[in-house]
Amino acid sequence: MQKRKVELSIIILNYNTGDIFSKCVDSVLRATENLQSPHSELILLDNASTDNSFKVPKKERVIGIQNGSNLGFARGCNRGIREAKGKYVLLLNPDTVVIKDAIQKLLDFAKACPDAGAVGPKLLNPDGTTQPSAFYLPTLWGAIKEFWLGQKGIYSKYIPKKRPVESLVAVEALVMAAFLLTPRALKKVGFLNEKYFMYFEDLDYCRNLKSAGLKVYYLSEAEVIHYHGVSGKNVASQENQWRRLIPSSKIYHGTLTHNLINFVIWSGQKWQRVLDGR
């Protein structure tokens, strides 16, 4: 019997996510049962979890890989990408649940759009509301516009708006909770930047896609539930999250630009408090 070629590799990297990991895997298995292109594989990786959450179903097309230590997001995902046999690669957070035919819709669009480097779905909160998942690529000028010139939203995640007859929007960057990479992206950009342990990998990759002449698309008709924060809850608490972002921000911007942006944000917020009488 001739060995079937794999068209899609789905990669899920786990780290202490509890029961939600199994829910994510089950949703992917259901979603891939009826793919029009059935030649897919599911690669499950674990960054040395200690909560016994990493359970690999004994099914055809499912591969389990245990990392000996916590490699971080980029290195962990890259190990999966190196193992992947598919033309397309879907990076999926372990705190997500795929709804119905979301994977099929992402794949169909990526095949039909020659300039696509990455495609992401609409992310939903557990209560069904839409979760902001798009970014503008952060810059010093963007910080000045938001924190000194009053142009709000430049430094925040947002929900892309589309025209009534469209279900997709080109954006500068998307979070990597559900992130489909095309063959063009894998060829021109390749792996995630392993200088980042956690945070900013998505911005870095999307910036590299832009430099390579490829676009990032938000496909609202494909929907994935995202239990935001579960996969990172043991890495950063809310009160010290910005402090933990600093090393990645310095890598992304360079130390000088990072410090300038930090000053612009701090001084702008302080001046706004003065204006507000606080």
Protein backbone atom coordinates (compact mmCIF):
# COMPACT_ATOMS: atom_id res chain seq x y z
CA MET A 1 0.00 0.00 0.00
CA GLN A 2 1.33 3.44 -0.95
CA LYS A 3 2.06 5.66 2.02
CA ARG A 4 -0.23 8.70 2.12
CA LYS A 5 1.35 12.13 2.11
CA VAL A 6 0.51 14.32 5.07
CA GLU A 7 -1.04 17.66 4.13
CA LEU A 8 -1.63 19.16 7.57
CA SER A 9 0.35 18.85 10.80
CA ILE A 10 -1.36 20.13 13.96
CA ILE A 11 1.02 20.94 16.80
CA ILE A 12 -0.06 21.39 20.43
CA LEU A 13 2.52 22.23 23.09
CA ASN A 14 1.39 21.52 26.66
CA TYR A 15 2.65 22.80 29.98
CA ASN A 16 0.62 22.20 33.14
CA THR A 17 -2.76 23.01 31.61
CA GLY A 18 -4.82 20.48 33.57
CA ASP A 19 -7.98 18.97 32.09
CA ILE A 20 -8.29 21.54 29.30
CA PHE A 21 -5.47 19.83 27.37
CA SER A 22 -7.54 16.67 26.89
CA LYS A 23 -10.55 18.76 25.82
CA CYS A 24 -8.38 20.48 23.24
CA VAL A 25 -7.06 17.20 21.86
CA ASP A 26 -10.55 15.68 21.70
CA SER A 27 -11.86 18.70 19.80
CA VAL A 28 -9.04 18.43 17.27
CA LEU A 29 -9.63 14.72 16.74
CA ARG A 30 -13.31 15.39 16.10
CA ALA A 31 -12.53 18.27 13.76
CA THR A 32 -10.06 16.24 11.70
CA GLU A 33 -12.27 13.16 11.31
CA ASN A 34 -14.17 14.76 8.45
CA LEU A 35 -11.50 16.87 6.81
CA GLN A 36 -11.90 16.94 3.04
CA SER A 37 -8.14 16.41 2.95
CA PRO A 38 -7.90 13.59 5.51
CA HIS A 39 -4.12 13.24 5.42
CA SER A 40 -3.33 15.00 8.70
CA GLU A 41 -1.28 14.29 11.80
CA LEU A 42 -1.48 15.51 15.38
CA ILE A 43 1.81 16.18 17.16
CA LEU A 44 1.49 16.58 20.93
CA LEU A 45 4.44 17.91 22.89
CA ASP A 46 4.95 18.50 26.59
CA ASN A 47 7.40 20.87 28.30
CA ALA A 48 7.99 18.66 31.35
CA SER A 49 4.61 19.24 33.00
CA THR A 50 4.20 18.24 36.64
CA ASP A 51 0.39 18.02 36.77
CA ASN A 52 -0.09 14.77 34.78
CA SER A 53 -2.02 16.71 32.15
CA PHE A 54 -0.09 15.28 29.20
CA LYS A 55 -2.11 12.32 27.95
CA VAL A 56 -1.56 11.07 24.40
CA PRO A 57 -4.44 9.15 22.77
CA LYS A 58 -3.41 5.83 21.26
CA LYS A 59 -4.62 6.63 17.79
CA GLU A 60 -3.24 6.54 14.31
CA ARG A 61 -1.78 9.89 13.25
CA VAL A 62 -1.15 11.00 16.86
CA ILE A 63 2.46 11.48 17.95
CA GLY A 64 3.51 12.23 21.53
CA ILE A 65 6.82 13.89 22.40
CA GLN A 66 8.07 14.54 25.94
CA ASN A 67 10.63 17.30 26.32
CA GLY A 68 13.07 16.73 29.15
CA SER A 69 12.65 20.27 30.44
CA ASN A 70 10.58 23.40 29.89
CA LEU A 71 11.94 24.58 26.54
CA GLY A 72 9.67 27.59 26.35
CA PHE A 73 7.08 28.22 23.66
CA ALA A 74 9.27 28.83 20.62
CA ARG A 75 11.72 25.96 21.13
CA GLY A 76 8.93 23.59 22.09
CA CYS A 77 6.87 24.42 19.00
CA ASN A 78 9.94 24.25 16.77
CA ARG A 79 10.58 20.70 17.89
CA GLY A 80 7.10 19.88 16.66
CA ILE A 81 7.65 21.72 13.38
CA ARG A 82 10.84 19.73 12.80
CA GLU A 83 8.89 16.51 13.29
CA ALA A 84 6.01 17.67 11.08
CA LYS A 85 5.48 16.03 7.71
CA GLY A 86 2.63 18.28 6.58
CA LYS A 87 2.76 21.03 3.97
CA TYR A 88 0.69 23.19 6.31
CA VAL A 89 1.32 23.52 10.05
CA LEU A 90 -1.32 24.60 12.59
CA LEU A 91 0.05 25.81 15.92
CA LEU A 92 -2.67 25.40 18.52
CA ASN A 93 -2.61 26.39 22.18
CA PRO A 94 -3.52 23.64 24.66
CA ASP A 95 -6.16 25.92 26.20
CA THR A 96 -8.28 26.00 23.04
CA VAL A 97 -11.28 24.05 21.79
CA VAL A 98 -11.83 23.81 18.04
CA ILE A 99 -15.41 24.43 16.90
CA LYS A 100 -16.78 22.20 14.14
CA ASP A 101 -15.05 22.78 10.80
CA ALA A 102 -12.75 25.64 11.82
CA ILE A 103 -9.63 23.74 10.75
CA GLN A 104 -11.13 22.93 7.35
CA LYS A 105 -12.03 26.59 6.80
CA LEU A 106 -8.54 27.76 7.71
CA LEU A 107 -6.97 25.19 5.41
CA ASP A 108 -9.29 25.95 2.50
CA PHE A 109 -8.57 29.66 2.74
CA ALA A 110 -4.81 29.18 3.01
CA LYS A 111 -4.84 27.03 -0.12
CA ALA A 112 -6.84 29.60 -2.08
CA CYS A 113 -4.83 32.67 -1.03
CA PRO A 114 -1.38 32.81 -2.66
CA ASP A 115 -0.09 35.70 -0.55
CA ALA A 116 -1.06 34.19 2.82
CA GLY A 117 1.75 33.47 5.23
CA ALA A 118 -0.48 32.76 8.21
CA VAL A 119 -4.21 32.52 8.89
CA GLY A 120 -5.93 32.71 12.26
CA PRO A 121 -9.56 32.14 13.30
CA LYS A 122 -11.91 34.23 15.39
CA LEU A 123 -11.11 33.44 19.03
CA LEU A 124 -14.05 33.16 21.41
CA ASN A 125 -14.16 33.48 25.16
CA PRO A 126 -15.80 30.54 26.98
CA ASP A 127 -19.02 32.60 27.23
CA GLY A 128 -19.17 32.94 23.44
CA THR A 129 -18.08 36.57 23.19
CA THR A 130 -15.36 37.48 20.71
CA GLN A 131 -11.84 37.73 22.09
CA PRO A 132 -9.47 40.42 20.77
CA SER A 133 -6.67 38.60 18.95
CA ALA A 134 -5.10 41.00 16.42
CA PHE A 135 -2.25 43.43 16.96
CA TYR A 136 -0.61 46.33 15.24
CA LEU A 137 3.12 45.70 15.17
CA PRO A 138 4.47 47.78 18.09
CA THR A 139 6.79 50.68 17.29
CA LEU A 140 8.14 53.76 19.03
CA TRP A 141 5.96 55.98 16.85
CA GLY A 142 2.95 53.85 17.72
CA ALA A 143 3.65 54.36 21.43
CA ILE A 144 3.87 58.13 20.93
CA LYS A 145 0.57 58.17 19.03
CA GLU A 146 -1.27 56.19 21.71
CA PHE A 147 0.20 57.53 24.94
CA TRP A 148 0.83 61.15 23.93
CA LEU A 149 -1.41 61.91 20.96
CA GLY A 150 -4.51 60.09 22.20
CA GLN A 151 -4.89 57.57 19.36
CA LYS A 152 -6.16 54.69 21.49
CA GLY A 153 -5.91 51.02 20.59
CA ILE A 154 -2.52 50.98 18.86
CA TYR A 155 -0.88 49.08 21.71
CA SER A 156 -3.83 46.82 22.54
CA LYS A 157 -5.20 43.65 21.02
CA TYR A 158 -8.32 44.32 19.00
CA ILE A 159 -11.11 42.57 17.09
CA PRO A 160 -10.68 43.13 13.34
CA LYS A 161 -13.62 44.72 11.55
CA LYS A 162 -14.65 43.40 8.16
CA ARG A 163 -16.87 44.59 5.38
CA PRO A 164 -20.37 43.04 5.37
CA VAL A 165 -19.64 40.75 2.42
CA GLU A 166 -16.24 39.60 3.70
CA SER A 167 -15.22 37.10 6.36
CA LEU A 168 -11.49 37.76 6.27
CA VAL A 169 -9.29 40.71 7.07
CA ALA A 170 -5.57 41.28 6.54
CA VAL A 171 -3.93 42.31 9.83
CA GLU A 172 -0.40 43.10 10.93
CA ALA A 173 -0.23 40.38 13.59
CA LEU A 174 -2.28 37.73 15.38
CA VAL A 175 -1.82 35.86 18.62
CA MET A 176 -0.54 32.31 18.12
CA ALA A 177 -3.34 30.57 20.01
CA ALA A 178 -4.49 29.15 16.66
CA PHE A 179 -2.07 29.99 13.86
CA LEU A 180 -1.96 28.21 10.51
CA LEU A 181 1.37 28.46 8.68
CA THR A 182 1.42 28.05 4.92
CA PRO A 183 4.16 26.33 2.89
CA ARG A 184 5.30 29.79 1.78
CA ALA A 185 5.75 30.89 5.40
CA LEU A 186 7.64 27.73 6.30
CA LYS A 187 9.94 28.23 3.32
CA LYS A 188 10.55 31.98 3.61
CA VAL A 189 10.46 32.47 7.39
CA GLY A 190 10.77 28.97 8.81
CA PHE A 191 10.95 28.34 12.53
CA LEU A 192 9.93 30.53 15.44
CA ASN A 193 12.70 32.67 16.92
CA GLU A 194 14.11 30.67 19.83
CA LYS A 195 15.58 33.76 21.48
CA TYR A 196 12.11 34.21 22.98
CA PHE A 197 11.20 31.93 25.88
CA MET A 198 7.63 33.18 26.04
CA TYR A 199 5.85 36.26 24.65
CA PHE A 200 6.55 38.27 21.48
CA GLU A 201 7.07 35.14 19.31
CA ASP A 202 3.82 35.96 17.51
CA LEU A 203 4.79 39.57 16.85
CA ASP A 204 8.27 38.56 15.73
CA TYR A 205 6.97 35.92 13.33
CA CYS A 206 4.34 38.23 11.85
CA ARG A 207 6.94 40.96 11.37
CA ASN A 208 9.12 38.46 9.52
CA LEU A 209 6.18 37.41 7.35
CA LYS A 210 5.64 41.05 6.41
CA SER A 211 9.34 41.41 5.53
CA ALA A 212 9.03 38.31 3.34
CA GLY A 213 6.12 39.84 1.42
CA LEU A 214 3.48 37.57 2.96
CA LYS A 215 0.25 38.55 4.70
CA VAL A 216 -1.45 37.56 7.94
CA TYR A 217 -5.20 36.97 7.65
CA TYR A 218 -7.98 36.85 10.24
CA LEU A 219 -10.77 34.50 9.14
CA SER A 220 -13.85 35.23 11.24
CA GLU A 221 -15.95 32.36 9.90
CA ALA A 222 -13.53 29.89 11.53
CA GLU A 223 -14.04 29.86 15.31
CA VAL A 224 -11.96 28.51 18.18
CA ILE A 225 -12.69 28.86 21.90
CA HIS A 226 -9.67 30.15 23.83
CA TYR A 227 -9.51 29.78 27.61
CA HIS A 228 -7.14 32.74 27.66
CA GLY A 229 -4.37 32.57 30.24
CA VAL A 230 -4.58 28.88 31.16
CA SER A 231 -1.47 27.90 29.20
CA GLY A 232 0.52 30.75 30.76
CA LYS A 233 -0.93 30.82 34.27
CA ASN A 234 2.11 29.18 35.81
CA VAL A 235 4.53 31.42 33.98
CA ALA A 236 3.29 34.90 34.76
CA SER A 237 0.79 36.24 37.26
CA GLN A 238 -1.14 39.33 36.25
CA GLU A 239 0.67 41.71 38.59
CA ASN A 240 4.16 40.90 37.30
CA GLN A 241 3.33 40.09 33.69
CA TRP A 242 4.84 43.29 32.29
CA ARG A 243 8.07 42.63 34.18
CA ARG A 244 8.24 39.23 32.53
CA LEU A 245 7.61 40.79 29.13
CA ILE A 246 10.69 43.00 29.39
CA PRO A 247 13.34 40.46 28.24
CA SER A 248 11.28 39.57 25.15
CA SER A 249 10.55 43.23 24.43
CA LYS A 250 14.28 43.99 24.48
CA ILE A 251 14.91 41.18 21.99
CA TYR A 252 12.11 42.36 19.71
CA HIS A 253 12.87 46.09 19.77
CA GLY A 254 16.51 46.20 20.82
CA THR A 255 17.44 47.61 24.22
CA LEU A 256 17.56 51.28 23.19
CA THR A 257 14.17 51.30 21.46
CA HIS A 258 12.66 49.24 24.28
CA ASN A 259 13.84 51.82 26.82
CA LEU A 260 12.52 54.70 24.71
CA ILE A 261 9.12 53.00 24.33
CA ASN A 262 9.05 52.30 28.06
CA PHE A 263 9.74 55.96 28.79
CA VAL A 264 7.08 57.14 26.32
CA ILE A 265 4.47 54.86 27.90
CA TRP A 266 5.42 55.72 31.49
CA SER A 267 5.60 59.47 30.91
CA GLY A 268 2.43 59.50 28.83
CA GLN A 269 0.46 57.65 31.48
CA LYS A 270 1.83 59.93 34.21
CA TRP A 271 0.90 63.06 32.23
CA GLN A 272 -2.60 61.69 31.63
CA ARG A 273 -3.04 61.20 35.39
CA VAL A 274 -2.02 64.83 35.91
CA LEU A 275 -4.61 65.96 33.37
CA ASP A 276 -7.24 63.81 35.05
CA GLY A 277 -6.41 65.39 38.42
CA ARG A 278 -5.23 62.18 40.02
